[in-house]
Amino acid sequence: MFVSRLALDDFRSWHRLVVDFRPGLNVLFGANGLGKTNIVEALEVLSTGSSHRAASSVPLVRAHESRATIRANVEDDGATTLYEVTIPVRGSNRARINSGKSLYMRDVVGRVPSVLFSPEDQRLVSADPAGRRSFLNQAASQLTLDYYDALQRFNQTARQRSALLRQLSQRRMAGEPVDVALSGLEIWTGQFIESGMAVTRMRAHVIERLGAPFSRIYGELAGEGQSARLAYAPSFDEVMHAGDGADDAAADMQIHAAISRHFQRIYPGEVARAQNLIGPHRDDVIVELNGLPAREYASNGEMWTLALALKMALFELLRDTRGDEPLLILDDVFAQLDESRRWQIVDFARRQGQVLITMAAATDMPEGLDAHRIDVGRLKDGGDADGDGVDARMAALVATAAGRRNA
């Protein structure tokens, strides 16, 4: 599987773009600010349903536009499939396959698996839990069929419950009684717990699957005597103590009741602060180095190696689970790494089916890598790197999809 053509309309800094890729290594080079990262970010959104650079979809739409569109031709066993994602400023993202009927985003997430390495990767270990949750959400969305949909349900319920808490907080500040309204809060809390338990279980399963390859790969990268481990730290800790009866209806009821009692104890605090104080939105992934919390004890170099091992473990797990090599994206990482880690990435990249690399200049490419080079400066403002016009190439992309749909 590989992406042969990508077309963007009003995505980030791009008004219109069509760019062709090849199997193997592809290098997008050009000065900073041209939009290299935006190109590979579009493929990340198509693959995972989200971007590691944005907490919502709104920043993905070009300024003053109402929506952005991502289209990608994907080649697999001689067949071409067009995947299309529309991102509105308001409303839900929608998708199409081969220009067919409108679909939910969940229907395309994970169909074009990818793993992205970026300069922010070191912060997976050192920064606040939000970045690790984002990584976990993207990994789970590609590895677990129902995860993206489950996460959307939880987020929607969390927003509704948070809105009610704000209303209760305002009533309390106004001196009005709030106990009467707690029955409404109980209803939303029940839905919040149910959807949160589903997300918690799927996240725990993903961390369990990532654990072994992560530990092995880190040992290979760091050398003898070094060890690393992943641990999931869920807010709904009761779910993790369900034992063999975790899937049993009676056990689920007991877990739900235990979490509900926890919420009853913290209702006053939630109303006072007008926010959901516990739930999957506060989960974390603990990275341990030689038995200690890496966030507190690892050096900068060790954090880089831990992050590389985590992304490589995800790549391996996706490949083994799906039977296809994921798209590997290296976004301006060579400038951030020392010589040893540069070569670890180079050795990893040269063994993959399709790799997209962004860098400021083609000469920044490490020796020993032969790649299809794409001058992003020539793509800007409707230009192209290969001599064909954008309009003609866009038309060819859509016509290919129409042919597939009518075949």
Protein backbone atom coordinates (compact mmCIF):
# COMPACT_ATOMS: atom_id res chain seq x y z
CA MET A 1 0.00 0.00 0.00
CA PHE A 2 1.26 3.50 -0.83
CA VAL A 3 -0.11 7.01 -1.44
CA SER A 4 0.40 7.99 -5.07
CA ARG A 5 -1.29 11.41 -5.11
CA LEU A 6 -2.45 13.93 -2.52
CA ALA A 7 -4.76 16.88 -3.23
CA LEU A 8 -5.61 19.64 -0.75
CA ASP A 9 -8.20 22.42 -0.87
CA ASP A 10 -7.93 25.16 1.78
CA PHE A 11 -6.02 22.97 4.22
CA ARG A 12 -3.86 25.04 6.58
CA SER A 13 -1.71 27.35 4.39
CA TRP A 14 -2.60 25.63 1.11
CA HIS A 15 -5.35 26.97 -1.13
CA ARG A 16 -4.90 24.29 -3.78
CA LEU A 17 -2.27 21.59 -3.98
CA VAL A 18 -1.73 18.39 -5.92
CA VAL A 19 1.47 16.43 -5.29
CA ASP A 20 2.55 12.98 -6.48
CA PHE A 21 4.50 10.48 -4.40
CA ARG A 22 6.30 7.25 -5.21
CA PRO A 23 6.95 4.04 -3.27
CA GLY A 24 10.13 4.20 -1.23
CA LEU A 25 11.63 7.47 -0.03
CA ASN A 26 10.07 10.83 -0.89
CA VAL A 27 11.70 14.08 0.25
CA LEU A 28 9.74 17.35 0.43
CA PHE A 29 12.25 20.18 0.72
CA GLY A 30 11.99 23.94 0.89
CA ALA A 31 12.45 26.93 3.15
CA ASN A 32 10.63 27.13 6.44
CA GLY A 33 7.12 28.54 6.13
CA LEU A 34 6.31 27.03 2.74
CA GLY A 35 3.92 24.44 4.19
CA LYS A 36 5.92 21.19 4.13
CA THR A 37 4.59 20.08 7.50
CA ASN A 38 1.04 20.96 6.47
CA ILE A 39 1.28 18.47 3.59
CA VAL A 40 2.24 15.52 5.76
CA GLU A 41 -0.15 16.66 8.49
CA ALA A 42 -3.01 16.20 6.01
CA LEU A 43 -2.06 12.54 5.60
CA GLU A 44 -1.90 12.19 9.39
CA VAL A 45 -5.48 13.52 9.63
CA LEU A 46 -6.67 11.16 6.90
CA SER A 47 -5.02 8.24 8.66
CA THR A 48 -5.88 8.89 12.31
CA GLY A 49 -8.75 11.38 12.26
CA SER A 50 -6.72 14.00 14.13
CA SER A 51 -3.50 16.01 14.13
CA HIS A 52 -0.82 16.03 16.80
CA ARG A 53 -0.54 19.80 16.18
CA ALA A 54 -4.16 20.78 16.85
CA ALA A 55 -6.67 20.10 19.62
CA SER A 56 -9.60 20.62 17.23
CA SER A 57 -10.27 20.66 13.50
CA VAL A 58 -10.73 24.44 13.23
CA PRO A 59 -7.01 25.33 12.80
CA LEU A 60 -6.80 22.85 9.91
CA VAL A 61 -9.04 25.04 7.73
CA ARG A 62 -7.36 27.88 5.84
CA ALA A 63 -8.10 31.31 7.32
CA HIS A 64 -11.40 32.85 6.15
CA GLU A 65 -12.57 29.61 4.50
CA SER A 66 -15.51 27.46 5.59
CA ARG A 67 -14.01 24.02 5.02
CA ALA A 68 -10.90 22.10 4.00
CA THR A 69 -10.72 18.99 1.84
CA ILE A 70 -8.11 16.22 1.75
CA ARG A 71 -8.05 13.72 -1.11
CA ALA A 72 -5.56 10.89 -1.51
CA ASN A 73 -5.13 8.20 -4.14
CA VAL A 74 -3.95 5.00 -2.45
CA GLU A 75 -2.52 2.10 -4.45
CA ASP A 76 -2.92 -1.41 -3.10
CA ASP A 77 -2.40 -4.65 -5.07
CA GLY A 78 -2.89 -2.88 -8.38
CA ALA A 79 -6.11 -1.11 -7.35
CA THR A 80 -6.49 2.65 -6.79
CA THR A 81 -8.80 3.96 -4.07
CA LEU A 82 -9.62 7.64 -3.55
CA TYR A 83 -10.14 8.63 0.09
CA GLU A 84 -11.64 12.04 0.76
CA VAL A 85 -12.11 13.92 4.04
CA THR A 86 -14.01 17.20 4.39
CA ILE A 87 -13.27 19.33 7.47
CA PRO A 88 -15.82 22.11 8.12
CA VAL A 89 -15.23 24.99 10.51
CA ARG A 90 -18.59 24.12 12.05
CA GLY A 91 -20.04 20.64 12.22
CA SER A 92 -18.63 17.14 11.98
CA ASN A 93 -15.94 15.93 9.62
CA ARG A 94 -17.21 13.74 6.79
CA ALA A 95 -15.57 11.28 4.43
CA ARG A 96 -16.04 9.56 1.06
CA ILE A 97 -14.47 6.59 -0.65
CA ASN A 98 -14.18 6.72 -4.45
CA SER A 99 -16.51 9.76 -4.49
CA GLY A 100 -19.32 7.62 -3.10
CA LYS A 101 -21.90 8.46 -0.47
CA SER A 102 -21.07 10.62 2.52
CA LEU A 103 -19.61 8.64 5.42
CA TYR A 104 -18.69 9.26 9.03
CA MET A 105 -15.03 9.91 9.76
CA ARG A 106 -14.84 6.60 11.59
CA ASP A 107 -15.43 4.83 8.28
CA VAL A 108 -12.03 5.89 6.88
CA VAL A 109 -9.84 6.26 9.99
CA GLY A 110 -7.18 3.56 10.02
CA ARG A 111 -7.63 2.54 6.37
CA VAL A 112 -4.38 4.27 5.42
CA PRO A 113 -2.19 3.54 8.47
CA SER A 114 0.66 5.91 9.24
CA VAL A 115 3.22 6.77 11.90
CA LEU A 116 4.62 10.29 12.11
CA PHE A 117 7.94 11.27 13.70
CA SER A 118 8.20 14.99 14.51
CA PRO A 119 10.36 17.41 16.52
CA GLU A 120 7.68 17.36 19.22
CA ASP A 121 8.24 13.65 19.88
CA GLN A 122 10.62 14.24 22.77
CA ARG A 123 7.74 15.93 24.59
CA LEU A 124 5.87 12.62 24.56
CA VAL A 125 8.03 11.76 27.54
CA SER A 126 8.75 15.13 29.14
CA ALA A 127 5.57 17.16 28.71
CA ASP A 128 2.11 17.08 30.25
CA PRO A 129 -0.20 14.06 29.80
CA ALA A 130 -2.19 15.67 26.94
CA GLY A 131 0.49 14.79 24.37
CA ARG A 132 0.64 11.18 25.51
CA ARG A 133 -3.16 10.94 25.37
CA SER A 134 -3.06 12.32 21.83
CA PHE A 135 -0.52 9.66 20.83
CA LEU A 136 -2.62 6.97 22.49
CA ASN A 137 -5.79 8.16 20.74
CA GLN A 138 -4.10 8.10 17.33
CA ALA A 139 -2.61 4.67 17.97
CA ALA A 140 -5.86 3.19 19.24
CA SER A 141 -7.86 4.69 16.35
CA GLN A 142 -5.71 2.74 13.90
CA LEU A 143 -5.40 -0.45 15.93
CA THR A 144 -8.93 -0.86 17.33
CA LEU A 145 -11.91 -0.85 14.99
CA ASP A 146 -14.41 0.84 17.31
CA TYR A 147 -12.08 3.17 19.18
CA TYR A 148 -12.54 6.37 17.16
CA ASP A 149 -16.32 6.13 17.46
CA ALA A 150 -16.12 5.33 21.19
CA LEU A 151 -13.84 8.31 21.79
CA GLN A 152 -16.20 10.65 19.91
CA ARG A 153 -19.13 9.44 22.04
CA PHE A 154 -17.16 10.01 25.22
CA ASN A 155 -16.05 13.50 24.15
CA GLN A 156 -19.60 14.48 23.28
CA THR A 157 -20.90 13.23 26.63
CA ALA A 158 -18.05 14.99 28.44
CA ARG A 159 -18.96 18.30 26.76
CA GLN A 160 -22.63 17.93 27.73
CA ARG A 161 -21.78 17.06 31.32
CA SER A 162 -19.29 19.92 31.54
CA ALA A 163 -21.93 22.37 30.26
CA LEU A 164 -24.33 21.21 32.98
CA LEU A 165 -21.65 21.61 35.64
CA ARG A 166 -21.11 25.20 34.49
CA GLN A 167 -24.83 25.86 34.80
CA LEU A 168 -24.88 24.39 38.31
CA SER A 169 -21.83 26.44 39.25
CA GLN A 170 -23.51 29.64 38.07
CA ARG A 171 -26.63 28.79 40.08
CA ARG A 172 -24.53 28.14 43.15
CA MET A 173 -22.69 31.46 42.75
CA ALA A 174 -26.06 33.20 42.42
CA GLY A 175 -27.15 31.68 45.72
CA GLU A 176 -29.72 29.37 44.13
CA PRO A 177 -30.15 25.77 45.38
CA VAL A 178 -28.55 23.19 43.12
CA ASP A 179 -29.62 19.89 44.70
CA VAL A 180 -32.80 19.83 42.61
CA ALA A 181 -30.73 19.79 39.43
CA LEU A 182 -28.45 16.95 40.55
CA SER A 183 -30.86 14.39 39.09
CA GLY A 184 -29.93 15.71 35.64
CA LEU A 185 -26.27 15.48 36.54
CA GLU A 186 -26.75 11.86 37.62
CA ILE A 187 -28.12 10.99 34.18
CA TRP A 188 -25.16 12.55 32.36
CA THR A 189 -22.76 11.00 34.86
CA GLY A 190 -24.12 7.54 34.07
CA GLN A 191 -23.54 8.05 30.34
CA PHE A 192 -20.13 9.58 31.06
CA ILE A 193 -19.09 6.52 33.07
CA GLU A 194 -20.39 4.06 30.49
CA SER A 195 -18.63 5.70 27.55
CA GLY A 196 -15.50 6.31 29.64
CA MET A 197 -15.26 2.65 30.66
CA ALA A 198 -15.28 1.63 26.98
CA VAL A 199 -12.46 4.07 26.15
CA THR A 200 -10.46 3.01 29.21
CA ARG A 201 -10.58 -0.68 28.29
CA MET A 202 -9.53 -0.10 24.70
CA ARG A 203 -6.68 2.17 25.76
CA ALA A 204 -5.46 -0.38 28.28
CA HIS A 205 -5.44 -3.08 25.60
CA VAL A 206 -3.41 -0.89 23.23
CA ILE A 207 -0.79 -0.10 25.90
CA GLU A 208 -0.58 -3.81 26.72
CA ARG A 209 0.09 -4.60 23.04
CA LEU A 210 2.64 -1.80 22.66
CA GLY A 211 4.53 -2.72 25.82
CA ALA A 212 6.58 -5.68 24.59
CA PRO A 213 7.80 -4.20 21.28
CA PHE A 214 8.53 -0.87 22.99
CA SER A 215 10.71 -2.49 25.65
CA ARG A 216 12.54 -4.63 23.09
CA ILE A 217 13.14 -1.80 20.62
CA TYR A 218 14.38 0.56 23.33
CA GLY A 219 16.87 -2.07 24.47
CA GLU A 220 18.12 -2.44 20.89
CA LEU A 221 18.48 1.33 20.44
CA ALA A 222 19.96 2.18 23.84
CA GLY A 223 22.25 -0.81 24.30
CA GLU A 224 22.85 -3.47 26.88
CA GLY A 225 21.73 -2.85 30.45
CA GLN A 226 19.05 -0.29 29.54
CA SER A 227 15.37 -1.08 30.04
CA ALA A 228 12.11 0.77 29.47
CA ARG A 229 8.48 0.03 30.21
CA LEU A 230 5.04 1.48 29.49
CA ALA A 231 2.30 1.67 32.10
CA TYR A 232 -1.25 2.92 31.71
CA ALA A 233 -2.53 5.28 34.41
CA PRO A 234 -6.31 5.53 33.93
CA SER A 235 -8.52 7.96 35.78
CA PHE A 236 -11.15 5.21 35.99
CA ASP A 237 -8.79 2.94 37.88
CA GLU A 238 -11.65 0.69 39.00
CA VAL A 239 -11.88 -0.71 35.45
CA MET A 240 -8.36 -2.10 35.73
CA HIS A 241 -9.22 -4.19 38.79
CA ALA A 242 -12.08 -6.08 37.20
CA GLY A 243 -10.13 -9.32 36.87
CA ASP A 244 -11.44 -12.15 34.75
CA GLY A 245 -14.98 -10.82 35.01
CA ALA A 246 -14.18 -7.56 33.17
CA ASP A 247 -16.47 -8.50 30.30
CA ASP A 248 -19.21 -9.92 32.47
CA ALA A 249 -22.39 -7.85 32.79
CA ALA A 250 -22.49 -8.26 36.57
CA ALA A 251 -18.87 -7.15 36.90
CA ASP A 252 -19.57 -4.15 34.68
CA MET A 253 -22.43 -3.13 36.94
CA GLN A 254 -20.18 -3.37 40.00
CA ILE A 255 -17.49 -1.28 38.33
CA HIS A 256 -20.04 1.29 37.18
CA ALA A 257 -21.44 1.52 40.70
CA ALA A 258 -17.98 1.96 42.23
CA ILE A 259 -17.13 4.80 39.84
CA SER A 260 -20.56 6.34 40.45
CA ARG A 261 -19.91 6.40 44.21
CA HIS A 262 -16.61 8.12 43.50
CA PHE A 263 -18.44 10.80 41.51
CA GLN A 264 -20.97 11.32 44.29
CA ARG A 265 -18.11 12.16 46.63
CA ILE A 266 -16.65 14.75 44.29
CA TYR A 267 -19.89 16.36 43.01
CA PRO A 268 -19.41 19.47 45.23
CA GLY A 269 -15.87 19.96 43.89
CA GLU A 270 -16.99 19.50 40.30
CA VAL A 271 -19.77 22.05 40.70
CA ALA A 272 -17.41 24.48 42.41
CA ARG A 273 -14.81 24.18 39.63
CA ALA A 274 -17.38 23.71 36.82
CA GLN A 275 -15.49 20.85 35.19
CA ASN A 276 -15.26 17.06 34.97
CA LEU A 277 -12.63 16.20 37.56
CA ILE A 278 -12.09 12.55 36.63
CA GLY A 279 -12.43 10.55 33.44
CA PRO A 280 -10.41 9.39 30.40
CA HIS A 281 -9.65 13.02 29.54
CA ARG A 282 -7.25 12.90 32.53
CA ASP A 283 -5.57 9.57 31.75
CA ASP A 284 -1.81 9.28 31.36
CA VAL A 285 0.77 6.88 29.98
CA ILE A 286 3.75 6.40 32.27
CA VAL A 287 7.12 5.82 30.58
CA GLU A 288 9.63 4.17 32.88
CA LEU A 289 13.39 4.07 32.32
CA ASN A 290 15.35 1.52 34.34
CA GLY A 291 12.45 1.32 36.80
CA LEU A 292 12.14 5.09 37.33
CA PRO A 293 9.75 7.68 35.83
CA ALA A 294 11.48 8.81 32.64
CA ARG A 295 9.80 12.21 32.78
CA GLU A 296 11.76 12.98 35.95
CA TYR A 297 14.99 11.03 35.50
CA ALA A 298 15.76 10.67 31.75
CA SER A 299 18.23 12.92 29.97
CA ASN A 300 17.27 14.73 26.76
CA GLY A 301 19.02 12.06 24.71
CA GLU A 302 17.28 9.26 26.56
CA MET A 303 13.91 10.97 26.05
CA TRP A 304 14.56 11.09 22.31
CA THR A 305 15.42 7.40 22.26
CA LEU A 306 12.32 6.53 24.30
CA ALA A 307 10.15 8.52 21.88
CA LEU A 308 11.77 6.84 18.86
CA ALA A 309 11.19 3.43 20.42
CA LEU A 310 7.54 4.28 21.10
CA LYS A 311 6.90 5.34 17.48
CA MET A 312 8.81 2.37 16.10
CA ALA A 313 6.81 0.02 18.32
CA LEU A 314 3.57 1.49 16.97
CA PHE A 315 4.82 1.08 13.41
CA GLU A 316 5.70 -2.57 14.04
CA LEU A 317 2.38 -3.27 15.73
CA LEU A 318 0.40 -1.65 12.91
CA ARG A 319 2.33 -3.62 10.31
CA ASP A 320 1.88 -6.94 12.11
CA THR A 321 -1.79 -6.30 12.90
CA ARG A 322 -2.87 -5.10 9.47
CA GLY A 323 -0.51 -6.97 7.15
CA ASP A 324 0.38 -3.70 5.37
CA GLU A 325 3.37 -1.47 5.99
CA PRO A 326 2.17 1.87 7.36
CA LEU A 327 3.16 5.12 5.72
CA LEU A 328 6.21 6.45 7.58
CA ILE A 329 6.39 10.25 7.94
CA LEU A 330 9.58 11.97 9.13
CA ASP A 331 8.77 15.64 9.66
CA ASP A 332 11.98 17.67 10.01
CA VAL A 333 13.47 15.20 12.47
CA PHE A 334 17.04 15.00 11.15
CA ALA A 335 17.86 18.54 12.27
CA GLN A 336 16.77 17.65 15.81
CA LEU A 337 18.77 14.46 16.28
CA ASP A 338 22.42 13.77 17.01
CA GLU A 339 24.44 11.63 14.59
CA SER A 340 23.74 8.33 16.35
CA ARG A 341 19.98 8.77 16.41
CA ARG A 342 19.97 10.13 12.85
CA TRP A 343 21.42 6.85 11.67
CA GLN A 344 18.99 4.84 13.75
CA ILE A 345 16.16 6.62 11.91
CA VAL A 346 17.89 6.27 8.53
CA ASP A 347 18.36 2.55 9.01
CA PHE A 348 14.72 2.21 10.02
CA ALA A 349 13.41 4.35 7.13
CA ARG A 350 15.32 2.64 4.32
CA ARG A 351 13.59 -0.66 5.18
CA GLN A 352 10.01 0.65 4.83
CA GLY A 353 7.63 0.60 1.85
CA GLN A 354 6.87 4.34 1.63
CA VAL A 355 8.48 7.18 3.55
CA LEU A 356 7.76 10.93 3.39
CA ILE A 357 10.56 13.16 4.70
CA THR A 358 10.40 16.93 5.12
CA MET A 359 13.55 19.05 5.38
CA ALA A 360 14.69 22.59 4.69
CA ALA A 361 17.10 21.65 1.87
CA ALA A 362 17.62 18.58 -0.27
CA THR A 363 21.28 18.64 0.81
CA ASP A 364 20.15 17.93 4.40
CA MET A 365 19.40 14.36 3.36
CA PRO A 366 21.73 11.93 5.17
CA GLU A 367 24.16 10.10 2.92
CA GLY A 368 23.09 6.68 1.75
CA LEU A 369 19.45 7.59 1.08
CA ASP A 370 18.26 7.81 -2.52
CA ALA A 371 14.87 9.51 -2.75
CA HIS A 372 12.28 11.10 -5.01
CA ARG A 373 12.78 14.81 -4.36
CA ILE A 374 9.86 17.29 -4.34
CA ASP A 375 10.58 21.04 -4.35
CA VAL A 376 7.77 22.47 -2.20
CA GLY A 377 8.63 25.98 -3.38
CA ARG A 378 7.48 25.02 -6.90
CA LEU A 379 4.22 23.65 -5.51
CA LYS A 380 3.28 26.93 -3.85
CA ASP A 381 0.55 29.08 -5.37
CA GLY A 382 -0.71 26.54 -7.87
CA GLY A 383 2.66 25.45 -9.23
CA ASP A 384 3.82 21.86 -9.45
CA ALA A 385 6.97 19.84 -9.18
CA ASP A 386 6.49 17.54 -12.16
CA GLY A 387 5.31 19.77 -15.00
CA ASP A 388 1.56 19.04 -15.10
CA GLY A 389 -1.00 21.67 -14.12
CA VAL A 390 -2.86 21.42 -10.81
CA ASP A 391 -6.28 21.53 -12.49
CA ALA A 392 -5.44 18.66 -14.83
CA ARG A 393 -4.02 16.52 -12.07
CA MET A 394 -6.98 17.22 -9.78
CA ALA A 395 -9.36 16.25 -12.57
CA ALA A 396 -7.44 13.05 -13.16
CA LEU A 397 -7.65 12.16 -9.48
CA VAL A 398 -11.43 12.63 -9.35
CA ALA A 399 -11.94 10.85 -12.69
CA THR A 400 -10.02 7.84 -11.38
CA ALA A 401 -12.35 7.68 -8.37
CA ALA A 402 -15.43 7.95 -10.61
CA GLY A 403 -14.17 5.10 -12.72
CA ARG A 404 -13.66 2.94 -9.65
CA ARG A 405 -17.16 3.76 -8.38
CA ASN A 406 -18.82 2.91 -11.69
CA ALA A 407 -16.77 -0.21 -12.38
